[in-house]
């Protein structure tokens, strides 16, 4: 079996530095081209190493972005819907499902919990 450490590192670095997940049109082929990794191999790496499908992997980064923005006070000036669009989600329902999958609570529950901690 091949060791995918270099590809995993490149994938994480790409997502953290370039933040391709902010595009709502992102697909695995774009990421594969950016990283010069065949799409099938990239899919295999995400499935095996992260135990996720590509969409869930992307949404995890989007929700981390949303969480950071909430903690930074983004919602003092903007709505949760505008934040979800900025994070790359194209629909409110997809955002809500992904948010709950990552945070184990709804956006409003998360916001209330975070507000209570301030």
PDB file of N, CA and C in Angstrom:
ATOM      1  N   UNK A   1       0.823  -1.210   0.000  1.00  0.00           N
ATOM      2  CA  UNK A   1       0.000   0.000   0.000  1.00  0.00           C
ATOM      3  C   UNK A   1       0.865   1.272   0.000  1.00  0.00           C
ATOM      4  N   UNK A   2       0.424   2.251  -0.759  1.00  0.00           N
ATOM      5  CA  UNK A   2       1.172   3.503  -0.883  1.00  0.00           C
ATOM      6  C   UNK A   2       1.001   4.365   0.368  1.00  0.00           C
ATOM      7  N   UNK A   3       2.025   5.097   0.715  1.00  0.00           N
ATOM      8  CA  UNK A   3       1.989   6.041   1.832  1.00  0.00           C
ATOM      9  C   UNK A   3       1.533   7.397   1.267  1.00  0.00           C
ATOM     10  N   UNK A   4       0.453   7.922   1.794  1.00  0.00           N
ATOM     11  CA  UNK A   4      -0.121   9.165   1.261  1.00  0.00           C
ATOM     12  C   UNK A   4       0.164  10.388   2.134  1.00  0.00           C
ATOM     13  N   UNK A   5       1.172  10.322   2.983  1.00  0.00           N
ATOM     14  CA  UNK A   5       1.457  11.439   3.894  1.00  0.00           C
ATOM     15  C   UNK A   5       1.672  12.760   3.163  1.00  0.00           C
ATOM     16  N   UNK A   6       2.416  12.739   2.067  1.00  0.00           N
ATOM     17  CA  UNK A   6       2.695  13.975   1.320  1.00  0.00           C
ATOM     18  C   UNK A   6       1.406  14.552   0.730  1.00  0.00           C
ATOM     19  N   UNK A   7       0.549  13.689   0.203  1.00  0.00           N
ATOM     20  CA  UNK A   7      -0.712  14.153  -0.385  1.00  0.00           C
ATOM     21  C   UNK A   7      -1.657  14.692   0.696  1.00  0.00           C
ATOM     22  N   UNK A   8      -1.685  14.023   1.843  1.00  0.00           N
ATOM     23  CA  UNK A   8      -2.533  14.466   2.956  1.00  0.00           C
ATOM     24  C   UNK A   8      -2.064  15.836   3.441  1.00  0.00           C
ATOM     25  N   UNK A   9      -0.760  15.990   3.584  1.00  0.00           N
ATOM     26  CA  UNK A   9      -0.189  17.273   3.998  1.00  0.00           C
ATOM     27  C   UNK A   9      -0.537  18.368   2.983  1.00  0.00           C
ATOM     28  N   UNK A  10      -0.364  18.073   1.694  1.00  0.00           N
ATOM     29  CA  UNK A  10      -0.662  19.050   0.638  1.00  0.00           C
ATOM     30  C   UNK A  10      -2.139  19.431   0.648  1.00  0.00           C
ATOM     31  N   UNK A  11      -3.008  18.445   0.849  1.00  0.00           N
ATOM     32  CA  UNK A  11      -4.449  18.700   0.884  1.00  0.00           C
ATOM     33  C   UNK A  11      -4.807  19.610   2.053  1.00  0.00           C
ATOM     34  N   UNK A  12      -4.322  19.289   3.239  1.00  0.00           N
ATOM     35  CA  UNK A  12      -4.612  20.114   4.424  1.00  0.00           C
ATOM     36  C   UNK A  12      -4.073  21.530   4.243  1.00  0.00           C
ATOM     37  N   UNK A  13      -2.844  21.631   3.769  1.00  0.00           N
ATOM     38  CA  UNK A  13      -2.218  22.939   3.566  1.00  0.00           C
ATOM     39  C   UNK A  13      -3.018  23.766   2.552  1.00  0.00           C
ATOM     40  N   UNK A  14      -3.437  23.131   1.470  1.00  0.00           N
ATOM     41  CA  UNK A  14      -4.231  23.810   0.437  1.00  0.00           C
ATOM     42  C   UNK A  14      -5.527  24.360   1.026  1.00  0.00           C
ATOM     43  N   UNK A  15      -6.209  23.536   1.818  1.00  0.00           N
ATOM     44  CA  UNK A  15      -7.482  23.962   2.398  1.00  0.00           C
ATOM     45  C   UNK A  15      -7.290  25.046   3.454  1.00  0.00           C
ATOM     46  N   UNK A  16      -6.212  24.994   4.198  1.00  0.00           N
ATOM     47  CA  UNK A  16      -5.979  25.995   5.236  1.00  0.00           C
ATOM     48  C   UNK A  16      -5.467  27.309   4.670  1.00  0.00           C
ATOM     49  N   UNK A  17      -4.654  27.258   3.622  1.00  0.00           N
ATOM     50  CA  UNK A  17      -4.042  28.477   3.094  1.00  0.00           C
ATOM     51  C   UNK A  17      -4.828  29.094   1.940  1.00  0.00           C
ATOM     52  N   UNK A  18      -5.254  28.273   0.989  1.00  0.00           N
ATOM     53  CA  UNK A  18      -5.953  28.786  -0.199  1.00  0.00           C
ATOM     54  C   UNK A  18      -7.458  28.946   0.073  1.00  0.00           C
ATOM     55  N   UNK A  19      -7.984  28.110   0.964  1.00  0.00           N
ATOM     56  CA  UNK A  19      -9.401  28.096   1.349  1.00  0.00           C
ATOM     57  C   UNK A  19     -10.338  27.946   0.137  1.00  0.00           C
ATOM     58  N   UNK A  20     -10.134  26.912  -0.674  1.00  0.00           N
ATOM     59  CA  UNK A  20     -10.978  26.716  -1.848  1.00  0.00           C
ATOM     60  C   UNK A  20     -12.434  26.440  -1.487  1.00  0.00           C
ATOM     61  N   UNK A  21     -12.683  26.000  -0.269  1.00  0.00           N
ATOM     62  CA  UNK A  21     -14.038  25.682   0.186  1.00  0.00           C
ATOM     63  C   UNK A  21     -14.959  26.893   0.231  1.00  0.00           C
ATOM     64  N   UNK A  22     -14.413  28.099   0.150  1.00  0.00           N
ATOM     65  CA  UNK A  22     -15.250  29.299   0.160  1.00  0.00           C
ATOM     66  C   UNK A  22     -16.017  29.477  -1.157  1.00  0.00           C
ATOM     67  N   UNK A  23     -15.642  28.730  -2.165  1.00  0.00           N
ATOM     68  CA  UNK A  23     -16.374  28.747  -3.433  1.00  0.00           C
ATOM     69  C   UNK A  23     -17.508  27.732  -3.370  1.00  0.00           C
ATOM     70  N   UNK A  24     -18.731  28.169  -3.659  1.00  0.00           N
ATOM     71  CA  UNK A  24     -19.854  27.223  -3.602  1.00  0.00           C
ATOM     72  C   UNK A  24     -19.868  26.277  -4.802  1.00  0.00           C
ATOM     73  N   UNK A  25     -19.019  26.526  -5.784  1.00  0.00           N
ATOM     74  CA  UNK A  25     -18.959  25.659  -6.965  1.00  0.00           C
ATOM     75  C   UNK A  25     -17.799  24.669  -6.891  1.00  0.00           C
ATOM     76  N   UNK A  26     -17.116  24.598  -5.750  1.00  0.00           N
ATOM     77  CA  UNK A  26     -15.955  23.721  -5.624  1.00  0.00           C
ATOM     78  C   UNK A  26     -16.323  22.266  -5.880  1.00  0.00           C
ATOM     79  N   UNK A  27     -15.467  21.576  -6.618  1.00  0.00           N
ATOM     80  CA  UNK A  27     -15.651  20.136  -6.820  1.00  0.00           C
ATOM     81  C   UNK A  27     -14.302  19.444  -6.711  1.00  0.00           C
ATOM     82  N   UNK A  28     -14.353  18.149  -6.601  1.00  0.00           N
ATOM     83  CA  UNK A  28     -13.124  17.374  -6.383  1.00  0.00           C
ATOM     84  C   UNK A  28     -12.144  17.503  -7.549  1.00  0.00           C
ATOM     85  N   UNK A  29     -12.657  17.688  -8.754  1.00  0.00           N
ATOM     86  CA  UNK A  29     -11.764  17.827  -9.913  1.00  0.00           C
ATOM     87  C   UNK A  29     -10.910  19.087  -9.818  1.00  0.00           C
ATOM     88  N   UNK A  30     -11.488  20.189  -9.337  1.00  0.00           N
ATOM     89  CA  UNK A  30     -10.722  21.432  -9.160  1.00  0.00           C
ATOM     90  C   UNK A  30      -9.581  21.221  -8.176  1.00  0.00           C
ATOM     91  N   UNK A  31      -9.906  20.600  -7.041  1.00  0.00           N
ATOM     92  CA  UNK A  31      -8.893  20.359  -6.011  1.00  0.00           C
ATOM     93  C   UNK A  31      -7.820  19.417  -6.550  1.00  0.00           C
ATOM     94  N   UNK A  32      -8.234  18.400  -7.285  1.00  0.00           N
ATOM     95  CA  UNK A  32      -7.293  17.448  -7.866  1.00  0.00           C
ATOM     96  C   UNK A  32      -6.315  18.155  -8.808  1.00  0.00           C
ATOM     97  N   UNK A  33      -6.822  19.066  -9.640  1.00  0.00           N
ATOM     98  CA  UNK A  33      -5.965  19.826 -10.557  1.00  0.00           C
ATOM     99  C   UNK A  33      -5.018  20.721  -9.765  1.00  0.00           C
ATOM    100  N   UNK A  34      -5.560  21.433  -8.753  1.00  0.00           N
ATOM    101  CA  UNK A  34      -4.727  22.315  -7.932  1.00  0.00           C
ATOM    102  C   UNK A  34      -3.570  21.568  -7.282  1.00  0.00           C
ATOM    103  N   UNK A  35      -3.835  20.349  -6.832  1.00  0.00           N
ATOM    104  CA  UNK A  35      -2.825  19.569  -6.106  1.00  0.00           C
ATOM    105  C   UNK A  35      -2.050  18.594  -6.990  1.00  0.00           C
ATOM    106  N   UNK A  36      -2.438  18.507  -8.250  1.00  0.00           N
ATOM    107  CA  UNK A  36      -1.813  17.569  -9.187  1.00  0.00           C
ATOM    108  C   UNK A  36      -1.891  16.126  -8.665  1.00  0.00           C
ATOM    109  N   UNK A  37      -3.083  15.781  -8.198  1.00  0.00           N
ATOM    110  CA  UNK A  37      -3.385  14.425  -7.725  1.00  0.00           C
ATOM    111  C   UNK A  37      -4.607  13.966  -8.522  1.00  0.00           C
ATOM    112  N   UNK A  38      -4.584  12.783  -9.101  1.00  0.00           N
ATOM    113  CA  UNK A  38      -5.777  12.319  -9.826  1.00  0.00           C
ATOM    114  C   UNK A  38      -7.015  12.330  -8.910  1.00  0.00           C
ATOM    115  N   UNK A  39      -8.161  12.718  -9.453  1.00  0.00           N
ATOM    116  CA  UNK A  39      -9.386  12.856  -8.661  1.00  0.00           C
ATOM    117  C   UNK A  39      -9.758  11.557  -7.943  1.00  0.00           C
ATOM    118  N   UNK A  40      -9.592  10.428  -8.616  1.00  0.00           N
ATOM    119  CA  UNK A  40      -9.924   9.135  -7.978  1.00  0.00           C
ATOM    120  C   UNK A  40      -9.025   8.877  -6.768  1.00  0.00           C
ATOM    121  N   UNK A  41      -7.751   9.228  -6.913  1.00  0.00           N
ATOM    122  CA  UNK A  41      -6.800   9.047  -5.811  1.00  0.00           C
ATOM    123  C   UNK A  41      -7.125  10.003  -4.662  1.00  0.00           C
ATOM    124  N   UNK A  42      -7.465  11.236  -5.001  1.00  0.00           N
ATOM    125  CA  UNK A  42      -7.836  12.225  -3.981  1.00  0.00           C
ATOM    126  C   UNK A  42      -9.078  11.765  -3.222  1.00  0.00           C
ATOM    127  N   UNK A  43     -10.049  11.262  -3.944  1.00  0.00           N
ATOM    128  CA  UNK A  43     -11.258  10.733  -3.323  1.00  0.00           C
ATOM    129  C   UNK A  43     -10.919   9.579  -2.378  1.00  0.00           C
ATOM    130  N   UNK A  44     -10.059   8.690  -2.824  1.00  0.00           N
ATOM    131  CA  UNK A  44      -9.618   7.555  -2.009  1.00  0.00           C
ATOM    132  C   UNK A  44      -8.945   8.049  -0.718  1.00  0.00           C
ATOM    133  N   UNK A  45      -8.066   9.040  -0.844  1.00  0.00           N
ATOM    134  CA  UNK A  45      -7.346   9.579   0.325  1.00  0.00           C
ATOM    135  C   UNK A  45      -8.332  10.174   1.324  1.00  0.00           C
ATOM    136  N   UNK A  46      -9.273  10.964   0.844  1.00  0.00           N
ATOM    137  CA  UNK A  46     -10.254  11.590   1.747  1.00  0.00           C
ATOM    138  C   UNK A  46     -11.117  10.523   2.409  1.00  0.00           C
ATOM    139  N   UNK A  47     -11.539   9.539   1.630  1.00  0.00           N
ATOM    140  CA  UNK A  47     -12.356   8.451   2.176  1.00  0.00           C
ATOM    141  C   UNK A  47     -11.597   7.662   3.236  1.00  0.00           C
ATOM    142  N   UNK A  48     -10.363   7.286   2.929  1.00  0.00           N
ATOM    143  CA  UNK A  48      -9.594   6.412   3.814  1.00  0.00           C
ATOM    144  C   UNK A  48      -8.977   7.142   5.008  1.00  0.00           C
ATOM    145  N   UNK A  49      -8.373   8.290   4.757  1.00  0.00           N
ATOM    146  CA  UNK A  49      -7.663   8.989   5.835  1.00  0.00           C
ATOM    147  C   UNK A  49      -8.605   9.792   6.731  1.00  0.00           C
ATOM    148  N   UNK A  50      -9.580  10.449   6.124  1.00  0.00           N
ATOM    149  CA  UNK A  50     -10.468  11.316   6.896  1.00  0.00           C
ATOM    150  C   UNK A  50     -11.817  10.649   7.193  1.00  0.00           C
ATOM    151  N   UNK A  51     -12.030   9.460   6.634  1.00  0.00           N
ATOM    152  CA  UNK A  51     -13.308   8.741   6.796  1.00  0.00           C
ATOM    153  C   UNK A  51     -14.500   9.618   6.423  1.00  0.00           C
ATOM    154  N   UNK A  52     -14.357  10.362   5.334  1.00  0.00           N
ATOM    155  CA  UNK A  52     -15.411  11.266   4.874  1.00  0.00           C
ATOM    156  C   UNK A  52     -15.504  11.215   3.355  1.00  0.00           C
ATOM    157  N   UNK A  53     -16.678  11.631   2.870  1.00  0.00           N
ATOM    158  CA  UNK A  53     -16.807  11.875   1.435  1.00  0.00           C
ATOM    159  C   UNK A  53     -16.261  13.274   1.176  1.00  0.00           C
ATOM    160  N   UNK A  54     -15.990  13.577  -0.079  1.00  0.00           N
ATOM    161  CA  UNK A  54     -15.439  14.885  -0.424  1.00  0.00           C
ATOM    162  C   UNK A  54     -16.343  16.019   0.073  1.00  0.00           C
ATOM    163  N   UNK A  55     -17.637  15.897  -0.136  1.00  0.00           N
ATOM    164  CA  UNK A  55     -18.577  16.951   0.277  1.00  0.00           C
ATOM    165  C   UNK A  55     -18.520  17.198   1.782  1.00  0.00           C
ATOM    166  N   UNK A  56     -18.485  16.136   2.560  1.00  0.00           N
ATOM    167  CA  UNK A  56     -18.411  16.287   4.020  1.00  0.00           C
ATOM    168  C   UNK A  56     -17.078  16.909   4.445  1.00  0.00           C
ATOM    169  N   UNK A  57     -16.009  16.537   3.746  1.00  0.00           N
ATOM    170  CA  UNK A  57     -14.688  17.108   4.014  1.00  0.00           C
ATOM    171  C   UNK A  57     -14.712  18.620   3.785  1.00  0.00           C
ATOM    172  N   UNK A  58     -15.257  19.035   2.656  1.00  0.00           N
ATOM    173  CA  UNK A  58     -15.356  20.460   2.324  1.00  0.00           C
ATOM    174  C   UNK A  58     -16.247  21.174   3.348  1.00  0.00           C
ATOM    175  N   UNK A  59     -17.388  20.590   3.658  1.00  0.00           N
ATOM    176  CA  UNK A  59     -18.314  21.220   4.601  1.00  0.00           C
ATOM    177  C   UNK A  59     -17.722  21.347   5.996  1.00  0.00           C
ATOM    178  N   UNK A  60     -16.868  20.407   6.386  1.00  0.00           N
ATOM    179  CA  UNK A  60     -16.197  20.503   7.685  1.00  0.00           C
ATOM    180  C   UNK A  60     -15.355  21.783   7.744  1.00  0.00           C
ATOM    181  N   UNK A  61     -14.617  22.065   6.673  1.00  0.00           N
ATOM    182  CA  UNK A  61     -13.821  23.294   6.622  1.00  0.00           C
ATOM    183  C   UNK A  61     -14.723  24.529   6.602  1.00  0.00           C
ATOM    184  N   UNK A  62     -15.825  24.449   5.881  1.00  0.00           N
ATOM    185  CA  UNK A  62     -16.756  25.581   5.837  1.00  0.00           C
ATOM    186  C   UNK A  62     -17.322  25.875   7.220  1.00  0.00           C
ATOM    187  N   UNK A  63     -17.678  24.835   7.949  1.00  0.00           N
ATOM    188  CA  UNK A  63     -18.255  25.034   9.288  1.00  0.00           C
ATOM    189  C   UNK A  63     -17.195  25.547  10.264  1.00  0.00           C
ATOM    190  N   UNK A  64     -15.962  25.078  10.141  1.00  0.00           N
ATOM    191  CA  UNK A  64     -14.883  25.633  10.976  1.00  0.00           C
ATOM    192  C   UNK A  64     -14.744  27.135  10.718  1.00  0.00           C
ATOM    193  N   UNK A  65     -14.846  27.520   9.451  1.00  0.00           N
ATOM    194  CA  UNK A  65     -14.778  28.933   9.063  1.00  0.00           C
ATOM    195  C   UNK A  65     -15.925  29.710   9.707  1.00  0.00           C
ATOM    196  N   UNK A  66     -17.127  29.152   9.635  1.00  0.00           N
ATOM    197  CA  UNK A  66     -18.307  29.791  10.233  1.00  0.00           C
ATOM    198  C   UNK A  66     -18.107  29.941  11.739  1.00  0.00           C
ATOM    199  N   UNK A  67     -17.639  28.879  12.401  1.00  0.00           N
ATOM    200  CA  UNK A  67     -17.413  28.931  13.850  1.00  0.00           C
ATOM    201  C   UNK A  67     -16.439  30.054  14.217  1.00  0.00           C
ATOM    202  N   UNK A  68     -15.360  30.178  13.448  1.00  0.00           N
ATOM    203  CA  UNK A  68     -14.373  31.236  13.715  1.00  0.00           C
ATOM    204  C   UNK A  68     -14.989  32.618  13.546  1.00  0.00           C
ATOM    205  N   UNK A  69     -15.802  32.780  12.494  1.00  0.00           N
ATOM    206  CA  UNK A  69     -16.441  34.069  12.235  1.00  0.00           C
ATOM    207  C   UNK A  69     -17.440  34.424  13.345  1.00  0.00           C
ATOM    208  N   UNK A  70     -18.183  33.434  13.827  1.00  0.00           N
ATOM    209  CA  UNK A  70     -19.132  33.678  14.919  1.00  0.00           C
ATOM    210  C   UNK A  70     -18.366  34.153  16.143  1.00  0.00           C
ATOM    211  N   UNK A  71     -17.277  33.472  16.465  1.00  0.00           N
ATOM    212  CA  UNK A  71     -16.470  33.835  17.643  1.00  0.00           C
ATOM    213  C   UNK A  71     -15.816  35.200  17.485  1.00  0.00           C
ATOM    214  N   UNK A  72     -15.583  35.622  16.240  1.00  0.00           N
ATOM    215  CA  UNK A  72     -14.963  36.922  15.978  1.00  0.00           C
ATOM    216  C   UNK A  72     -15.985  38.059  15.930  1.00  0.00           C
ATOM    217  N   UNK A  73     -17.265  37.739  16.171  1.00  0.00           N
ATOM    218  CA  UNK A  73     -18.283  38.783  16.225  1.00  0.00           C
ATOM    219  C   UNK A  73     -18.929  39.125  14.899  1.00  0.00           C
ATOM    220  N   UNK A  74     -18.766  38.294  13.895  1.00  0.00           N
ATOM    221  CA  UNK A  74     -19.336  38.538  12.561  1.00  0.00           C
ATOM    222  C   UNK A  74     -20.838  38.810  12.634  1.00  0.00           C
ATOM    223  N   UNK A  75     -21.518  38.109  13.524  1.00  0.00           N
ATOM    224  CA  UNK A  75     -22.976  38.226  13.578  1.00  0.00           C
ATOM    225  C   UNK A  75     -23.450  39.526  14.228  1.00  0.00           C
ATOM    226  N   UNK A  76     -22.515  40.342  14.728  1.00  0.00           N
ATOM    227  CA  UNK A  76     -22.887  41.653  15.240  1.00  0.00           C
ATOM    228  C   UNK A  76     -23.329  42.571  14.096  1.00  0.00           C
ATOM    229  N   UNK A  77     -22.834  42.288  12.889  1.00  0.00           N
ATOM    230  CA  UNK A  77     -23.141  43.132  11.732  1.00  0.00           C
ATOM    231  C   UNK A  77     -23.872  42.414  10.614  1.00  0.00           C
ATOM    232  N   UNK A  78     -23.758  41.082  10.573  1.00  0.00           N
ATOM    233  CA  UNK A  78     -24.315  40.325   9.464  1.00  0.00           C
ATOM    234  C   UNK A  78     -25.182  39.176   9.961  1.00  0.00           C
ATOM    235  N   UNK A  79     -25.944  38.582   9.055  1.00  0.00           N
ATOM    236  CA  UNK A  79     -26.826  37.467   9.421  1.00  0.00           C
ATOM    237  C   UNK A  79     -26.112  36.136   9.280  1.00  0.00           C
ATOM    238  N   UNK A  80     -26.669  35.129   9.902  1.00  0.00           N
ATOM    239  CA  UNK A  80     -26.124  33.777   9.774  1.00  0.00           C
ATOM    240  C   UNK A  80     -26.239  33.307   8.321  1.00  0.00           C
ATOM    241  N   UNK A  81     -27.289  33.747   7.643  1.00  0.00           N
ATOM    242  CA  UNK A  81     -27.456  33.367   6.233  1.00  0.00           C
ATOM    243  C   UNK A  81     -26.355  33.969   5.356  1.00  0.00           C
ATOM    244  N   UNK A  82     -26.014  35.227   5.596  1.00  0.00           N
ATOM    245  CA  UNK A  82     -24.929  35.825   4.797  1.00  0.00           C
ATOM    246  C   UNK A  82     -23.597  35.151   5.121  1.00  0.00           C
ATOM    247  N   UNK A  83     -23.413  34.759   6.372  1.00  0.00           N
ATOM    248  CA  UNK A  83     -22.200  34.042   6.753  1.00  0.00           C
ATOM    249  C   UNK A  83     -22.134  32.674   6.063  1.00  0.00           C
ATOM    250  N   UNK A  84     -23.265  31.991   5.995  1.00  0.00           N
ATOM    251  CA  UNK A  84     -23.268  30.679   5.341  1.00  0.00           C
ATOM    252  C   UNK A  84     -22.932  30.816   3.852  1.00  0.00           C
ATOM    253  N   UNK A  85     -23.427  31.861   3.210  1.00  0.00           N
ATOM    254  CA  UNK A  85     -23.113  32.100   1.791  1.00  0.00           C
ATOM    255  C   UNK A  85     -21.625  32.410   1.619  1.00  0.00           C
ATOM    256  N   UNK A  86     -21.088  33.247   2.518  1.00  0.00           N
ATOM    257  CA  UNK A  86     -19.670  33.604   2.460  1.00  0.00           C
ATOM    258  C   UNK A  86     -18.793  32.363   2.630  1.00  0.00           C
ATOM    259  N   UNK A  87     -19.264  31.409   3.433  1.00  0.00           N
ATOM    260  CA  UNK A  87     -18.506  30.187   3.702  1.00  0.00           C
ATOM    261  C   UNK A  87     -18.591  29.177   2.555  1.00  0.00           C
ATOM    262  N   UNK A  88     -19.411  29.461   1.545  1.00  0.00           N
ATOM    263  CA  UNK A  88     -19.468  28.585   0.378  1.00  0.00           C
ATOM    264  C   UNK A  88     -20.718  27.732   0.259  1.00  0.00           C
ATOM    265  N   UNK A  89     -21.656  27.884   1.200  1.00  0.00           N
ATOM    266  CA  UNK A  89     -22.900  27.112   1.109  1.00  0.00           C
ATOM    267  C   UNK A  89     -23.857  27.809   0.154  1.00  0.00           C
ATOM    268  N   UNK A  90     -24.535  27.027  -0.683  1.00  0.00           N
ATOM    269  CA  UNK A  90     -25.469  27.644  -1.620  1.00  0.00           C
ATOM    270  C   UNK A  90     -26.908  27.566  -1.129  1.00  0.00           C
ATOM    271  N   UNK A  91     -27.175  26.769  -0.096  1.00  0.00           N
ATOM    272  CA  UNK A  91     -28.544  26.734   0.427  1.00  0.00           C
ATOM    273  C   UNK A  91     -28.530  26.683   1.947  1.00  0.00           C
ATOM    274  N   UNK A  92     -29.580  27.242   2.507  1.00  0.00           N
ATOM    275  CA  UNK A  92     -29.713  27.291   3.966  1.00  0.00           C
ATOM    276  C   UNK A  92     -29.855  25.880   4.542  1.00  0.00           C
ATOM    277  N   UNK A  93     -30.590  25.021   3.853  1.00  0.00           N
ATOM    278  CA  UNK A  93     -30.810  23.669   4.374  1.00  0.00           C
ATOM    279  C   UNK A  93     -29.506  22.859   4.381  1.00  0.00           C
ATOM    280  N   UNK A  94     -28.697  22.976   3.335  1.00  0.00           N
ATOM    281  CA  UNK A  94     -27.409  22.283   3.299  1.00  0.00           C
ATOM    282  C   UNK A  94     -26.518  22.793   4.426  1.00  0.00           C
ATOM    283  N   UNK A  95     -26.514  24.095   4.629  1.00  0.00           N
ATOM    284  CA  UNK A  95     -25.736  24.692   5.721  1.00  0.00           C
ATOM    285  C   UNK A  95     -26.182  24.132   7.067  1.00  0.00           C
ATOM    286  N   UNK A  96     -27.495  24.121   7.304  1.00  0.00           N
ATOM    287  CA  UNK A  96     -28.000  23.645   8.597  1.00  0.00           C
ATOM    288  C   UNK A  96     -27.647  22.184   8.858  1.00  0.00           C
ATOM    289  N   UNK A  97     -27.766  21.340   7.838  1.00  0.00           N
ATOM    290  CA  UNK A  97     -27.429  19.918   7.977  1.00  0.00           C
ATOM    291  C   UNK A  97     -25.935  19.761   8.269  1.00  0.00           C
ATOM    292  N   UNK A  98     -25.099  20.460   7.515  1.00  0.00           N
ATOM    293  CA  UNK A  98     -23.646  20.371   7.713  1.00  0.00           C
ATOM    294  C   UNK A  98     -23.250  20.918   9.079  1.00  0.00           C
ATOM    295  N   UNK A  99     -23.870  22.010   9.490  1.00  0.00           N
ATOM    296  CA  UNK A  99     -23.557  22.623  10.779  1.00  0.00           C
ATOM    297  C   UNK A  99     -23.834  21.646  11.911  1.00  0.00           C
ATOM    298  N   UNK A 100     -25.012  21.019  11.838  1.00  0.00           N
ATOM    299  CA  UNK A 100     -25.399  20.071  12.885  1.00  0.00           C
ATOM    300  C   UNK A 100     -24.482  18.840  12.877  1.00  0.00           C
ATOM    301  N   UNK A 101     -24.062  18.404  11.696  1.00  0.00           N
ATOM    302  CA  UNK A 101     -23.183  17.236  11.578  1.00  0.00           C
ATOM    303  C   UNK A 101     -21.830  17.517  12.251  1.00  0.00           C
ATOM    304  N   UNK A 102     -21.310  18.732  12.085  1.00  0.00           N
ATOM    305  CA  UNK A 102     -19.995  19.079  12.636  1.00  0.00           C
ATOM    306  C   UNK A 102     -20.083  19.466  14.114  1.00  0.00           C
ATOM    307  N   UNK A 103     -21.071  20.279  14.469  1.00  0.00           N
ATOM    308  CA  UNK A 103     -21.148  20.831  15.831  1.00  0.00           C
ATOM    309  C   UNK A 103     -22.116  20.104  16.765  1.00  0.00           C
ATOM    310  N   UNK A 104     -22.868  19.145  16.255  1.00  0.00           N
ATOM    311  CA  UNK A 104     -23.878  18.411  17.033  1.00  0.00           C
ATOM    312  C   UNK A 104     -24.943  19.322  17.652  1.00  0.00           C
ATOM    313  N   UNK A 105     -25.184  20.464  17.016  1.00  0.00           N
ATOM    314  CA  UNK A 105     -26.265  21.349  17.432  1.00  0.00           C
ATOM    315  C   UNK A 105     -26.611  22.272  16.258  1.00  0.00           C
ATOM    316  N   UNK A 106     -27.735  22.936  16.352  1.00  0.00           N
ATOM    317  CA  UNK A 106     -28.150  23.849  15.284  1.00  0.00           C
ATOM    318  C   UNK A 106     -27.341  25.148  15.372  1.00  0.00           C
ATOM    319  N   UNK A 107     -27.341  25.946  14.308  1.00  0.00           N
ATOM    320  CA  UNK A 107     -26.644  27.233  14.381  1.00  0.00           C
ATOM    321  C   UNK A 107     -27.153  28.112  15.529  1.00  0.00           C
ATOM    322  N   UNK A 108     -28.469  28.180  15.721  1.00  0.00           N
ATOM    323  CA  UNK A 108     -28.980  29.040  16.795  1.00  0.00           C
ATOM    324  C   UNK A 108     -28.590  28.524  18.178  1.00  0.00           C
ATOM    325  N   UNK A 109     -28.554  27.196  18.346  1.00  0.00           N
ATOM    326  CA  UNK A 109     -28.111  26.632  19.627  1.00  0.00           C
ATOM    327  C   UNK A 109     -26.634  26.960  19.860  1.00  0.00           C
ATOM    328  N   UNK A 110     -25.826  26.851  18.813  1.00  0.00           N
ATOM    329  CA  UNK A 110     -24.400  27.154  18.909  1.00  0.00           C
ATOM    330  C   UNK A 110     -24.191  28.621  19.282  1.00  0.00           C
ATOM    331  N   UNK A 111     -24.919  29.499  18.608  1.00  0.00           N
ATOM    332  CA  UNK A 111     -24.790  30.937  18.864  1.00  0.00           C
ATOM    333  C   UNK A 111     -25.196  31.243  20.311  1.00  0.00           C
ATOM    334  N   UNK A 112     -26.284  30.629  20.783  1.00  0.00           N
ATOM    335  CA  UNK A 112     -26.735  30.833  22.160  1.00  0.00           C
ATOM    336  C   UNK A 112     -25.696  30.308  23.149  1.00  0.00           C
ATOM    337  N   UNK A 113     -25.121  29.138  22.882  1.00  0.00           N
ATOM    338  CA  UNK A 113     -24.089  28.570  23.761  1.00  0.00           C
ATOM    339  C   UNK A 113     -22.863  29.477  23.790  1.00  0.00           C
ATOM    340  N   UNK A 114     -22.473  29.943  22.624  1.00  0.00           N
ATOM    341  CA  UNK A 114     -21.290  30.799  22.560  1.00  0.00           C
ATOM    342  C   UNK A 114     -21.544  32.127  23.276  1.00  0.00           C
ATOM    343  N   UNK A 115     -22.732  32.700  23.092  1.00  0.00           N
ATOM    344  CA  UNK A 115     -23.091  33.963  23.746  1.00  0.00           C
ATOM    345  C   UNK A 115     -23.091  33.807  25.269  1.00  0.00           C
ATOM    346  N   UNK A 116     -23.544  32.648  25.750  1.00  0.00           N
ATOM    347  CA  UNK A 116     -23.597  32.385  27.191  1.00  0.00           C
ATOM    348  C   UNK A 116     -22.195  32.301  27.800  1.00  0.00           C
ATOM    349  N   UNK A 117     -21.210  31.935  26.989  1.00  0.00           N
ATOM    350  CA  UNK A 117     -19.845  31.803  27.481  1.00  0.00           C
ATOM    351  C   UNK A 117     -19.106  33.141  27.528  1.00  0.00           C
ATOM    352  N   UNK A 118     -19.662  34.154  26.903  1.00  0.00           N
ATOM    353  CA  UNK A 118     -18.987  35.466  26.850  1.00  0.00           C
ATOM    354  C   UNK A 118     -19.190  36.259  28.114  1.00  0.00           C
TER     355      UNK A 118
END
